[in-house]
Amino acid sequence: MRLPRLGAAALLTAALALAGCSSPSQEPAAAPSAAPDGAYPVTLTHLYGSTTIPAKPQRIVAVGFNEADFVLALGEKPVGQREVLGSFDADGRSWAQAALGGTQPEKVGGSEIDFERVAGLRPDLILGVYSFMEQADYDRLSAIAPTVAQPDEDGATWQEQTLTTGQALGKEAEAQQVVADTEKRFADARAAHPEFAGKTVTVALWGVDSGLYALEPTDLRAKFYADLGFTPSALTGAVAPESYGQLEADVVVVMGGTREDLAGQPTFQGLPAAQQNRVVYTGGFDTQLNGALGFGSPLSLPVAIDLAVPRLAAAADGNPANPTD
């Protein structure tokens, strides 16, 4: 199975590959075409062709890196889910506890899918909309149960993933409402903080290749800040310590690192953003904010908004006395 791009490997040790989240401030997400809610069979297209789901699924296995959240957001509980590697306590993630109701789906592999465990759960639907599975994986899974793979090589936006999951579960109208509610959270945050509009932001991961890695604008975690009104900087890719000056922006976000981690980096400390307290350090990858951004789901994104916006406001207000940690 091909693991996703570098950014996610640093976020949750190659467990969550979240790149490419469309902006709710732009075009509204379009619902995939299908039969009316609850009407089966339903056929979904994806990277490896099409999959027909003959009846409402009762035993769902989520093999995507963040897939379980989308099933939970639509009121269903998967019987199996992909294990999240790394330091973040995915089983204890706050935003999913109410939907889980004290239960935990069985794990069906971490960096690799455990096909025997998947089969042992006797699924009638396998969801891998953000799994980055390869053709061989799809062939093995589809021999077990109807399997929905990613829409293309780049995966899916959270809106697309929600709507596709809703289509598979016979809950299209509910999925559209979940998308609308989540997009409204972004819109409300932008309205409450018009100062974000037009300000540039660099989002970089700490500890990648002994330096910082500036996320591509299409990466979900970078797009999160664009969806709040910021303008992504043009810098992307690995940034060596001697080139940290290129990170400068109106706001710099360091994911996976603390103020103390960067204190010994003179070129980083020389940034005007660092000297004027315009850097937001999100802390280690075990924090709720980084975990919420990593899952990038309708359940976790509102949590990320609540955690990030006050710190972004402190960084963007021009007052270096306001704490951003």
C-alpha atoms as a PDB file:
ATOM      1  CA  MET A   1       0.000   0.000   0.000  1.00  0.00           C
ATOM      2  CA  ARG A   2       1.348   3.433  -0.926  1.00  0.00           C
ATOM      3  CA  LEU A   3       1.608   5.688   2.087  1.00  0.00           C
ATOM      4  CA  PRO A   4       0.589   9.307   1.631  1.00  0.00           C
ATOM      5  CA  ARG A   5       2.778  12.329   1.259  1.00  0.00           C
ATOM      6  CA  LEU A   6       5.440  13.475   3.665  1.00  0.00           C
ATOM      7  CA  GLY A   7       3.385  15.969   5.662  1.00  0.00           C
ATOM      8  CA  ALA A   8       1.204  13.348   7.258  1.00  0.00           C
ATOM      9  CA  ALA A   9       4.090  11.082   8.073  1.00  0.00           C
ATOM     10  CA  ALA A  10       5.377  13.709  10.443  1.00  0.00           C
ATOM     11  CA  LEU A  11       1.971  14.495  11.872  1.00  0.00           C
ATOM     12  CA  LEU A  12       0.919  11.023  12.982  1.00  0.00           C
ATOM     13  CA  THR A  13       3.856   8.863  11.941  1.00  0.00           C
ATOM     14  CA  ALA A  14       2.601   8.144   8.466  1.00  0.00           C
ATOM     15  CA  ALA A  15      -0.855   7.366   9.748  1.00  0.00           C
ATOM     16  CA  LEU A  16      -2.859  10.366   8.604  1.00  0.00           C
ATOM     17  CA  ALA A  17      -2.189  11.664   5.135  1.00  0.00           C
ATOM     18  CA  LEU A  18      -4.339  14.658   4.975  1.00  0.00           C
ATOM     19  CA  ALA A  19      -3.678  16.786   1.956  1.00  0.00           C
ATOM     20  CA  GLY A  20      -6.094  18.769  -0.133  1.00  0.00           C
ATOM     21  CA  CYS A  21      -9.036  20.276   1.713  1.00  0.00           C
ATOM     22  CA  SER A  22     -11.259  22.532  -0.368  1.00  0.00           C
ATOM     23  CA  SER A  23     -12.205  25.903   0.972  1.00  0.00           C
ATOM     24  CA  PRO A  24     -15.694  26.312   2.385  1.00  0.00           C
ATOM     25  CA  SER A  25     -15.413  29.999   1.591  1.00  0.00           C
ATOM     26  CA  GLN A  26     -15.431  29.195  -2.101  1.00  0.00           C
ATOM     27  CA  GLU A  27     -17.806  26.935  -4.028  1.00  0.00           C
ATOM     28  CA  PRO A  28     -20.153  24.821  -1.915  1.00  0.00           C
ATOM     29  CA  ALA A  29     -19.526  21.094  -2.010  1.00  0.00           C
ATOM     30  CA  ALA A  30     -21.703  19.269  -4.512  1.00  0.00           C
ATOM     31  CA  ALA A  31     -23.438  16.097  -3.450  1.00  0.00           C
ATOM     32  CA  PRO A  32     -22.577  12.962  -5.419  1.00  0.00           C
ATOM     33  CA  SER A  33     -25.414  11.693  -7.584  1.00  0.00           C
ATOM     34  CA  ALA A  34     -27.250   8.699  -6.190  1.00  0.00           C
ATOM     35  CA  ALA A  35     -30.600   7.255  -5.335  1.00  0.00           C
ATOM     36  CA  PRO A  36     -32.762   8.948  -2.678  1.00  0.00           C
ATOM     37  CA  ASP A  37     -31.770   8.532   0.964  1.00  0.00           C
ATOM     38  CA  GLY A  38     -32.042   4.945   2.068  1.00  0.00           C
ATOM     39  CA  ALA A  39     -32.602   3.635  -1.473  1.00  0.00           C
ATOM     40  CA  TYR A  40     -30.423   0.733  -2.574  1.00  0.00           C
ATOM     41  CA  PRO A  41     -28.613  -0.524  -4.518  1.00  0.00           C
ATOM     42  CA  VAL A  42     -26.223   2.435  -4.692  1.00  0.00           C
ATOM     43  CA  THR A  43     -23.250   2.638  -7.048  1.00  0.00           C
ATOM     44  CA  LEU A  44     -20.232   4.831  -6.280  1.00  0.00           C
ATOM     45  CA  THR A  45     -17.327   5.566  -8.608  1.00  0.00           C
ATOM     46  CA  HIS A  46     -13.732   5.868  -7.449  1.00  0.00           C
ATOM     47  CA  LEU A  47     -10.127   5.531  -8.609  1.00  0.00           C
ATOM     48  CA  TYR A  48     -10.462   1.825  -9.387  1.00  0.00           C
ATOM     49  CA  GLY A  49     -13.834   1.837 -11.088  1.00  0.00           C
ATOM     50  CA  SER A  50     -17.206   1.572  -9.424  1.00  0.00           C
ATOM     51  CA  THR A  51     -18.696  -0.254  -6.459  1.00  0.00           C
ATOM     52  CA  THR A  52     -22.313  -1.256  -5.977  1.00  0.00           C
ATOM     53  CA  ILE A  53     -23.648  -1.489  -2.434  1.00  0.00           C
ATOM     54  CA  PRO A  54     -26.701  -3.759  -2.626  1.00  0.00           C
ATOM     55  CA  ALA A  55     -28.336  -2.935   0.717  1.00  0.00           C
ATOM     56  CA  LYS A  56     -27.915  -0.671   3.721  1.00  0.00           C
ATOM     57  CA  PRO A  57     -24.601  -1.622   5.374  1.00  0.00           C
ATOM     58  CA  GLN A  58     -24.743  -3.105   8.853  1.00  0.00           C
ATOM     59  CA  ARG A  59     -21.067  -3.955   9.408  1.00  0.00           C
ATOM     60  CA  ILE A  60     -18.759  -1.190   8.206  1.00  0.00           C
ATOM     61  CA  VAL A  61     -14.973  -1.442   8.260  1.00  0.00           C
ATOM     62  CA  ALA A  62     -13.110   1.866   7.869  1.00  0.00           C
ATOM     63  CA  VAL A  63      -9.661   1.311   6.351  1.00  0.00           C
ATOM     64  CA  GLY A  64      -8.950   4.986   5.589  1.00  0.00           C
ATOM     65  CA  PHE A  65      -6.592   6.851   7.875  1.00  0.00           C
ATOM     66  CA  ASN A  66      -9.356   9.088   9.222  1.00  0.00           C
ATOM     67  CA  GLU A  67     -12.339   7.126   7.929  1.00  0.00           C
ATOM     68  CA  ALA A  68     -13.973   6.192  11.227  1.00  0.00           C
ATOM     69  CA  ASP A  69     -14.708   9.842  12.054  1.00  0.00           C
ATOM     70  CA  PHE A  70     -16.832  10.245   8.933  1.00  0.00           C
ATOM     71  CA  VAL A  71     -18.882   7.157   9.695  1.00  0.00           C
ATOM     72  CA  LEU A  72     -19.381   8.376  13.269  1.00  0.00           C
ATOM     73  CA  ALA A  73     -20.352  11.852  12.059  1.00  0.00           C
ATOM     74  CA  LEU A  74     -23.289  10.265  10.254  1.00  0.00           C
ATOM     75  CA  GLY A  75     -24.521   8.344  13.259  1.00  0.00           C
ATOM     76  CA  GLU A  76     -23.061   4.901  12.485  1.00  0.00           C
ATOM     77  CA  LYS A  77     -20.345   2.929  14.299  1.00  0.00           C
ATOM     78  CA  PRO A  78     -17.757   1.029  12.290  1.00  0.00           C
ATOM     79  CA  VAL A  79     -16.921  -2.456  13.516  1.00  0.00           C
ATOM     80  CA  GLY A  80     -13.315  -1.986  12.405  1.00  0.00           C
ATOM     81  CA  GLN A  81     -10.997   0.949  11.851  1.00  0.00           C
ATOM     82  CA  ARG A  82      -7.421   1.724  10.859  1.00  0.00           C
ATOM     83  CA  GLU A  83      -5.050   2.204  13.789  1.00  0.00           C
ATOM     84  CA  VAL A  84      -3.490   5.652  14.078  1.00  0.00           C
ATOM     85  CA  LEU A  85       0.235   5.397  14.681  1.00  0.00           C
ATOM     86  CA  GLY A  86       2.276   7.907  16.621  1.00  0.00           C
ATOM     87  CA  SER A  87       1.870   9.712  19.912  1.00  0.00           C
ATOM     88  CA  PHE A  88      -1.663  11.060  19.529  1.00  0.00           C
ATOM     89  CA  ASP A  89      -4.301   9.216  21.585  1.00  0.00           C
ATOM     90  CA  ALA A  90      -6.694   8.553  18.721  1.00  0.00           C
ATOM     91  CA  ASP A  91      -8.905   6.187  20.713  1.00  0.00           C
ATOM     92  CA  GLY A  92      -9.411   8.904  23.325  1.00  0.00           C
ATOM     93  CA  ARG A  93      -9.979  11.772  20.882  1.00  0.00           C
ATOM     94  CA  SER A  94     -12.487  14.063  22.533  1.00  0.00           C
ATOM     95  CA  TRP A  95     -14.635  14.813  19.491  1.00  0.00           C
ATOM     96  CA  ALA A  96     -15.523  11.153  18.850  1.00  0.00           C
ATOM     97  CA  GLN A  97     -16.375   9.944  22.340  1.00  0.00           C
ATOM     98  CA  ALA A  98     -20.071  10.783  22.288  1.00  0.00           C
ATOM     99  CA  ALA A  99     -20.525   9.059  18.937  1.00  0.00           C
ATOM    100  CA  LEU A 100     -18.515   6.034  20.055  1.00  0.00           C
ATOM    101  CA  GLY A 101     -20.691   5.635  23.131  1.00  0.00           C
ATOM    102  CA  GLY A 102     -17.996   3.870  25.129  1.00  0.00           C
ATOM    103  CA  THR A 103     -17.137   1.382  22.391  1.00  0.00           C
ATOM    104  CA  GLN A 104     -14.032   1.049  20.231  1.00  0.00           C
ATOM    105  CA  PRO A 105     -13.941  -0.532  16.761  1.00  0.00           C
ATOM    106  CA  GLU A 106     -11.435  -3.319  16.313  1.00  0.00           C
ATOM    107  CA  LYS A 107      -8.153  -2.369  14.661  1.00  0.00           C
ATOM    108  CA  VAL A 108      -7.524  -3.625  11.148  1.00  0.00           C
ATOM    109  CA  GLY A 109      -3.899  -2.641  10.703  1.00  0.00           C
ATOM    110  CA  GLY A 110      -1.795   0.485  11.005  1.00  0.00           C
ATOM    111  CA  SER A 111       0.671   1.433   8.292  1.00  0.00           C
ATOM    112  CA  GLU A 112      -0.566  -1.616   6.378  1.00  0.00           C
ATOM    113  CA  ILE A 113      -4.072  -3.025   6.105  1.00  0.00           C
ATOM    114  CA  ASP A 114      -4.515  -6.351   7.912  1.00  0.00           C
ATOM    115  CA  PHE A 115      -6.677  -8.158   5.373  1.00  0.00           C
ATOM    116  CA  GLU A 116      -7.284 -11.169   7.613  1.00  0.00           C
ATOM    117  CA  ARG A 117      -8.668  -8.964  10.368  1.00  0.00           C
ATOM    118  CA  VAL A 118     -10.859  -7.153   7.888  1.00  0.00           C
ATOM    119  CA  ALA A 119     -12.259 -10.439   6.637  1.00  0.00           C
ATOM    120  CA  GLY A 120     -12.728 -11.727  10.187  1.00  0.00           C
ATOM    121  CA  LEU A 121     -15.083  -8.846  10.953  1.00  0.00           C
ATOM    122  CA  ARG A 122     -17.451 -10.007   8.192  1.00  0.00           C
ATOM    123  CA  PRO A 123     -18.054  -6.511   6.774  1.00  0.00           C
ATOM    124  CA  ASP A 124     -20.749  -5.723   4.277  1.00  0.00           C
ATOM    125  CA  LEU A 125     -19.024  -2.428   3.406  1.00  0.00           C
ATOM    126  CA  ILE A 126     -15.364  -1.374   3.411  1.00  0.00           C
ATOM    127  CA  LEU A 127     -14.709   2.366   3.247  1.00  0.00           C
ATOM    128  CA  GLY A 128     -11.294   3.624   2.157  1.00  0.00           C
ATOM    129  CA  VAL A 129     -12.064   7.067   0.758  1.00  0.00           C
ATOM    130  CA  TYR A 130      -8.897   8.406   2.399  1.00  0.00           C
ATOM    131  CA  SER A 131      -6.878   5.205   2.470  1.00  0.00           C
ATOM    132  CA  PHE A 132      -4.503   5.708  -0.477  1.00  0.00           C
ATOM    133  CA  MET A 133      -4.951   2.012  -1.190  1.00  0.00           C
ATOM    134  CA  GLU A 134      -3.411   0.620  -4.339  1.00  0.00           C
ATOM    135  CA  GLN A 135      -5.082  -1.541  -6.960  1.00  0.00           C
ATOM    136  CA  ALA A 136      -3.860  -4.750  -5.334  1.00  0.00           C
ATOM    137  CA  ASP A 137      -5.285  -3.659  -1.977  1.00  0.00           C
ATOM    138  CA  TYR A 138      -8.594  -2.807  -3.591  1.00  0.00           C
ATOM    139  CA  ASP A 139      -8.743  -6.166  -5.339  1.00  0.00           C
ATOM    140  CA  ARG A 140      -8.173  -8.045  -2.063  1.00  0.00           C
ATOM    141  CA  LEU A 141     -10.665  -5.932  -0.135  1.00  0.00           C
ATOM    142  CA  SER A 142     -13.366  -6.024  -2.780  1.00  0.00           C
ATOM    143  CA  ALA A 143     -13.164  -9.816  -2.686  1.00  0.00           C
ATOM    144  CA  ILE A 144     -14.248  -9.558   0.973  1.00  0.00           C
ATOM    145  CA  ALA A 145     -17.025  -6.953   0.650  1.00  0.00           C
ATOM    146  CA  PRO A 146     -18.054  -3.960  -1.486  1.00  0.00           C
ATOM    147  CA  THR A 147     -15.154  -1.528  -1.174  1.00  0.00           C
ATOM    148  CA  VAL A 148     -15.047   2.216  -1.859  1.00  0.00           C
ATOM    149  CA  ALA A 149     -11.557   3.541  -2.611  1.00  0.00           C
ATOM    150  CA  GLN A 150     -10.278   7.113  -2.889  1.00  0.00           C
ATOM    151  CA  PRO A 151     -11.717   9.206  -5.758  1.00  0.00           C
ATOM    152  CA  ASP A 152      -8.290   9.869  -7.300  1.00  0.00           C
ATOM    153  CA  GLU A 153      -4.558   9.791  -6.574  1.00  0.00           C
ATOM    154  CA  ASP A 154      -4.810  12.787  -4.225  1.00  0.00           C
ATOM    155  CA  GLY A 155      -7.525  11.371  -1.990  1.00  0.00           C
ATOM    156  CA  ALA A 156     -10.596  13.398  -1.087  1.00  0.00           C
ATOM    157  CA  THR A 157     -11.481  16.691   0.526  1.00  0.00           C
ATOM    158  CA  TRP A 158     -13.361  16.391   3.798  1.00  0.00           C
ATOM    159  CA  GLN A 159     -16.490  17.606   2.029  1.00  0.00           C
ATOM    160  CA  GLU A 160     -16.176  14.928  -0.670  1.00  0.00           C
ATOM    161  CA  GLN A 161     -15.435  12.281   1.931  1.00  0.00           C
ATOM    162  CA  THR A 162     -18.485  13.238   3.972  1.00  0.00           C
ATOM    163  CA  LEU A 163     -20.791  13.203   0.960  1.00  0.00           C
ATOM    164  CA  THR A 164     -19.406   9.924  -0.376  1.00  0.00           C
ATOM    165  CA  THR A 165     -19.792   8.326   3.048  1.00  0.00           C
ATOM    166  CA  GLY A 166     -23.346   9.617   3.224  1.00  0.00           C
ATOM    167  CA  GLN A 167     -24.104   8.140  -0.165  1.00  0.00           C
ATOM    168  CA  ALA A 168     -22.710   4.753   0.886  1.00  0.00           C
ATOM    169  CA  LEU A 169     -24.684   4.783   4.137  1.00  0.00           C
ATOM    170  CA  GLY A 170     -27.938   5.950   2.585  1.00  0.00           C
ATOM    171  CA  LYS A 171     -27.711   9.273   4.406  1.00  0.00           C
ATOM    172  CA  GLU A 172     -27.092  11.822   1.666  1.00  0.00           C
ATOM    173  CA  ALA A 173     -29.295  14.562   3.104  1.00  0.00           C
ATOM    174  CA  GLU A 174     -27.721  14.147   6.509  1.00  0.00           C
ATOM    175  CA  ALA A 175     -24.237  14.287   4.975  1.00  0.00           C
ATOM    176  CA  GLN A 176     -25.096  17.511   3.146  1.00  0.00           C
ATOM    177  CA  GLN A 177     -26.279  19.017   6.418  1.00  0.00           C
ATOM    178  CA  VAL A 178     -23.084  17.951   8.192  1.00  0.00           C
ATOM    179  CA  VAL A 179     -21.019  19.646   5.471  1.00  0.00           C
ATOM    180  CA  ALA A 180     -23.125  22.804   5.674  1.00  0.00           C
ATOM    181  CA  ASP A 181     -22.872  22.936   9.472  1.00  0.00           C
ATOM    182  CA  THR A 182     -19.097  22.510   9.411  1.00  0.00           C
ATOM    183  CA  GLU A 183     -18.633  25.096   6.673  1.00  0.00           C
ATOM    184  CA  LYS A 184     -20.699  27.498   8.756  1.00  0.00           C
ATOM    185  CA  ARG A 185     -18.240  27.092  11.614  1.00  0.00           C
ATOM    186  CA  PHE A 186     -15.487  28.336   9.318  1.00  0.00           C
ATOM    187  CA  ALA A 187     -17.671  31.152   8.029  1.00  0.00           C
ATOM    188  CA  ASP A 188     -18.528  32.237  11.575  1.00  0.00           C
ATOM    189  CA  ALA A 189     -14.845  32.272  12.528  1.00  0.00           C
ATOM    190  CA  ARG A 190     -13.984  34.402   9.489  1.00  0.00           C
ATOM    191  CA  ALA A 191     -16.793  36.820  10.288  1.00  0.00           C
ATOM    192  CA  ALA A 192     -15.626  37.125  13.888  1.00  0.00           C
ATOM    193  CA  HIS A 193     -12.040  37.775  12.791  1.00  0.00           C
ATOM    194  CA  PRO A 194     -11.991  39.894   9.657  1.00  0.00           C
ATOM    195  CA  GLU A 195      -8.376  40.746  10.501  1.00  0.00           C
ATOM    196  CA  PHE A 196      -7.380  37.298   9.206  1.00  0.00           C
ATOM    197  CA  ALA A 197      -8.370  38.207   5.652  1.00  0.00           C
ATOM    198  CA  GLY A 198      -5.394  38.856   3.420  1.00  0.00           C
ATOM    199  CA  LYS A 199      -2.746  38.087   6.043  1.00  0.00           C
ATOM    200  CA  THR A 200      -0.176  35.569   4.873  1.00  0.00           C
ATOM    201  CA  VAL A 201       0.496  32.350   6.781  1.00  0.00           C
ATOM    202  CA  THR A 202       3.280  29.785   6.594  1.00  0.00           C
ATOM    203  CA  VAL A 203       2.437  26.400   8.110  1.00  0.00           C
ATOM    204  CA  ALA A 204       5.479  24.250   8.796  1.00  0.00           C
ATOM    205  CA  LEU A 205       6.077  20.900  10.448  1.00  0.00           C
ATOM    206  CA  TRP A 206       8.890  20.728  12.988  1.00  0.00           C
ATOM    207  CA  GLY A 207      11.277  17.765  13.105  1.00  0.00           C
ATOM    208  CA  VAL A 208      11.114  16.710   9.459  1.00  0.00           C
ATOM    209  CA  ASP A 209      14.535  15.869   8.011  1.00  0.00           C
ATOM    210  CA  SER A 210      16.214  17.725  10.901  1.00  0.00           C
ATOM    211  CA  GLY A 211      14.453  20.942  10.045  1.00  0.00           C
ATOM    212  CA  LEU A 212      11.104  22.423   9.108  1.00  0.00           C
ATOM    213  CA  TYR A 213       8.812  21.417   6.276  1.00  0.00           C
ATOM    214  CA  ALA A 214       6.499  24.057   4.805  1.00  0.00           C
ATOM    215  CA  LEU A 215       3.195  22.469   3.888  1.00  0.00           C
ATOM    216  CA  GLU A 216       1.784  22.769   0.393  1.00  0.00           C
ATOM    217  CA  PRO A 217      -1.314  25.008   0.162  1.00  0.00           C
ATOM    218  CA  THR A 218      -3.341  21.924  -0.813  1.00  0.00           C
ATOM    219  CA  ASP A 219      -2.452  20.090   2.392  1.00  0.00           C
ATOM    220  CA  LEU A 220      -5.516  19.907   4.639  1.00  0.00           C
ATOM    221  CA  ARG A 221      -3.651  21.381   7.590  1.00  0.00           C
ATOM    222  CA  ALA A 222      -2.467  24.368   5.564  1.00  0.00           C
ATOM    223  CA  LYS A 223      -5.881  24.708   3.931  1.00  0.00           C
ATOM    224  CA  PHE A 224      -7.457  24.892   7.370  1.00  0.00           C
ATOM    225  CA  TYR A 225      -5.816  28.297   7.862  1.00  0.00           C
ATOM    226  CA  ALA A 226      -6.804  29.429   4.382  1.00  0.00           C
ATOM    227  CA  ASP A 227     -10.381  28.477   5.214  1.00  0.00           C
ATOM    228  CA  LEU A 228     -10.148  30.847   8.176  1.00  0.00           C
ATOM    229  CA  GLY A 229      -9.249  33.699   5.826  1.00  0.00           C
ATOM    230  CA  PHE A 230      -5.441  33.611   5.684  1.00  0.00           C
ATOM    231  CA  THR A 231      -3.455  33.605   2.438  1.00  0.00           C
ATOM    232  CA  PRO A 232      -0.969  30.693   2.223  1.00  0.00           C
ATOM    233  CA  SER A 233       2.615  31.675   1.547  1.00  0.00           C
ATOM    234  CA  ALA A 234       4.288  30.396  -1.607  1.00  0.00           C
ATOM    235  CA  LEU A 235       7.009  28.530   0.307  1.00  0.00           C
ATOM    236  CA  THR A 236       6.667  24.738   0.281  1.00  0.00           C
ATOM    237  CA  GLY A 237       8.877  21.754   0.999  1.00  0.00           C
ATOM    238  CA  ALA A 238      11.845  21.112   3.273  1.00  0.00           C
ATOM    239  CA  VAL A 239      13.513  24.206   4.695  1.00  0.00           C
ATOM    240  CA  ALA A 240      17.049  23.869   6.053  1.00  0.00           C
ATOM    241  CA  PRO A 241      18.019  25.867   9.169  1.00  0.00           C
ATOM    242  CA  GLU A 242      20.123  28.297   7.172  1.00  0.00           C
ATOM    243  CA  SER A 243      17.044  29.125   5.088  1.00  0.00           C
ATOM    244  CA  TYR A 244      14.526  29.666   7.876  1.00  0.00           C
ATOM    245  CA  GLY A 245      14.274  33.296   6.860  1.00  0.00           C
ATOM    246  CA  GLN A 246      12.096  32.138   3.958  1.00  0.00           C
ATOM    247  CA  LEU A 247       9.384  31.156   6.461  1.00  0.00           C
ATOM    248  CA  GLU A 248       8.529  34.776   7.218  1.00  0.00           C
ATOM    249  CA  ALA A 249       4.836  35.646   6.909  1.00  0.00           C
ATOM    250  CA  ASP A 250       2.262  37.698   8.784  1.00  0.00           C
ATOM    251  CA  VAL A 251       1.643  34.578  10.878  1.00  0.00           C
ATOM    252  CA  VAL A 252       3.878  31.513  11.108  1.00  0.00           C
ATOM    253  CA  VAL A 253       2.417  28.259  12.434  1.00  0.00           C
ATOM    254  CA  VAL A 254       4.824  25.595  13.699  1.00  0.00           C
ATOM    255  CA  MET A 255       3.162  22.204  13.996  1.00  0.00           C
ATOM    256  CA  GLY A 256       4.799  19.566  16.153  1.00  0.00           C
ATOM    257  CA  GLY A 257       7.091  22.015  17.925  1.00  0.00           C
ATOM    258  CA  THR A 258       7.090  24.263  20.974  1.00  0.00           C
ATOM    259  CA  ARG A 259       8.605  27.659  21.610  1.00  0.00           C
ATOM    260  CA  GLU A 260      11.366  25.866  23.513  1.00  0.00           C
ATOM    261  CA  ASP A 261      12.089  23.554  20.570  1.00  0.00           C
ATOM    262  CA  LEU A 262      12.811  26.535  18.326  1.00  0.00           C
ATOM    263  CA  ALA A 263      14.577  28.628  20.969  1.00  0.00           C
ATOM    264  CA  GLY A 264      17.971  27.269  19.938  1.00  0.00           C
ATOM    265  CA  GLN A 265      17.487  28.019  16.243  1.00  0.00           C
ATOM    266  CA  PRO A 266      19.088  31.430  15.666  1.00  0.00           C
ATOM    267  CA  THR A 267      17.914  31.778  12.073  1.00  0.00           C
ATOM    268  CA  PHE A 268      14.351  31.068  13.146  1.00  0.00           C
ATOM    269  CA  GLN A 269      14.601  33.466  16.074  1.00  0.00           C
ATOM    270  CA  GLY A 270      15.803  36.100  13.620  1.00  0.00           C
ATOM    271  CA  LEU A 271      12.444  36.060  11.845  1.00  0.00           C
ATOM    272  CA  PRO A 272      10.448  39.255  12.420  1.00  0.00           C
ATOM    273  CA  ALA A 273       7.498  36.954  13.126  1.00  0.00           C
ATOM    274  CA  ALA A 274       9.418  35.297  15.968  1.00  0.00           C
ATOM    275  CA  GLN A 275      10.647  38.597  17.379  1.00  0.00           C
ATOM    276  CA  GLN A 276       7.162  40.146  17.247  1.00  0.00           C
ATOM    277  CA  ASN A 277       5.333  37.122  18.695  1.00  0.00           C
ATOM    278  CA  ARG A 278       3.535  36.283  15.478  1.00  0.00           C
ATOM    279  CA  VAL A 279       4.391  32.577  15.672  1.00  0.00           C
ATOM    280  CA  VAL A 280       1.814  30.012  16.799  1.00  0.00           C
ATOM    281  CA  TYR A 281       3.451  26.871  18.197  1.00  0.00           C
ATOM    282  CA  THR A 282       0.934  24.043  18.182  1.00  0.00           C
ATOM    283  CA  GLY A 283       3.082  21.764  20.364  1.00  0.00           C
ATOM    284  CA  GLY A 284       3.860  18.094  19.889  1.00  0.00           C
ATOM    285  CA  PHE A 285       1.903  15.851  17.603  1.00  0.00           C
ATOM    286  CA  ASP A 286       0.093  14.418  20.616  1.00  0.00           C
ATOM    287  CA  THR A 287      -1.875  17.627  21.217  1.00  0.00           C
ATOM    288  CA  GLN A 288      -5.604  17.930  20.601  1.00  0.00           C
ATOM    289  CA  LEU A 289      -5.083  20.665  18.019  1.00  0.00           C
ATOM    290  CA  ASN A 290      -2.653  18.653  15.923  1.00  0.00           C
ATOM    291  CA  GLY A 291      -4.789  15.548  16.278  1.00  0.00           C
ATOM    292  CA  ALA A 292      -7.924  17.415  15.249  1.00  0.00           C
ATOM    293  CA  LEU A 293      -6.195  18.852  12.199  1.00  0.00           C
ATOM    294  CA  GLY A 294      -4.814  15.430  11.369  1.00  0.00           C
ATOM    295  CA  PHE A 295      -8.217  13.783  11.337  1.00  0.00           C
ATOM    296  CA  GLY A 296      -9.669  16.693   9.393  1.00  0.00           C
ATOM    297  CA  SER A 297     -13.240  15.495   9.798  1.00  0.00           C
ATOM    298  CA  PRO A 298     -16.578  17.204  10.474  1.00  0.00           C
ATOM    299  CA  LEU A 299     -16.213  16.001  14.067  1.00  0.00           C
ATOM    300  CA  SER A 300     -12.659  17.257  14.587  1.00  0.00           C
ATOM    301  CA  LEU A 301     -12.545  20.480  12.568  1.00  0.00           C
ATOM    302  CA  PRO A 302     -14.849  22.433  14.937  1.00  0.00           C
ATOM    303  CA  VAL A 303     -12.512  21.427  17.785  1.00  0.00           C
ATOM    304  CA  ALA A 304      -9.535  22.651  15.766  1.00  0.00           C
ATOM    305  CA  ILE A 305     -11.298  25.960  15.106  1.00  0.00           C
ATOM    306  CA  ASP A 306     -12.004  26.480  18.816  1.00  0.00           C
ATOM    307  CA  LEU A 307      -8.405  25.708  19.749  1.00  0.00           C
ATOM    308  CA  ALA A 308      -6.637  27.574  16.955  1.00  0.00           C
ATOM    309  CA  VAL A 309      -8.619  30.778  16.452  1.00  0.00           C
ATOM    310  CA  PRO A 310      -7.788  32.512  19.776  1.00  0.00           C
ATOM    311  CA  ARG A 311      -4.081  31.875  19.222  1.00  0.00           C
ATOM    312  CA  LEU A 312      -4.232  33.026  15.631  1.00  0.00           C
ATOM    313  CA  ALA A 313      -6.049  36.167  16.730  1.00  0.00           C
ATOM    314  CA  ALA A 314      -3.272  36.909  19.233  1.00  0.00           C
ATOM    315  CA  ALA A 315      -0.646  36.420  16.519  1.00  0.00           C
ATOM    316  CA  ALA A 316      -2.468  38.540  13.950  1.00  0.00           C
ATOM    317  CA  ASP A 317      -3.496  41.504  16.125  1.00  0.00           C
ATOM    318  CA  GLY A 318      -0.170  43.314  15.968  1.00  0.00           C
ATOM    319  CA  ASN A 319       0.285  43.286  19.740  1.00  0.00           C
ATOM    320  CA  PRO A 320       3.399  41.233  20.641  1.00  0.00           C
ATOM    321  CA  ALA A 321       2.334  41.187  24.290  1.00  0.00           C
ATOM    322  CA  ASN A 322      -0.562  38.826  23.607  1.00  0.00           C
ATOM    323  CA  PRO A 323       0.398  35.160  24.153  1.00  0.00           C
ATOM    324  CA  THR A 324       0.080  32.810  21.180  1.00  0.00           C
ATOM    325  CA  ASP A 325       0.917  29.571  23.010  1.00  0.00           C
END
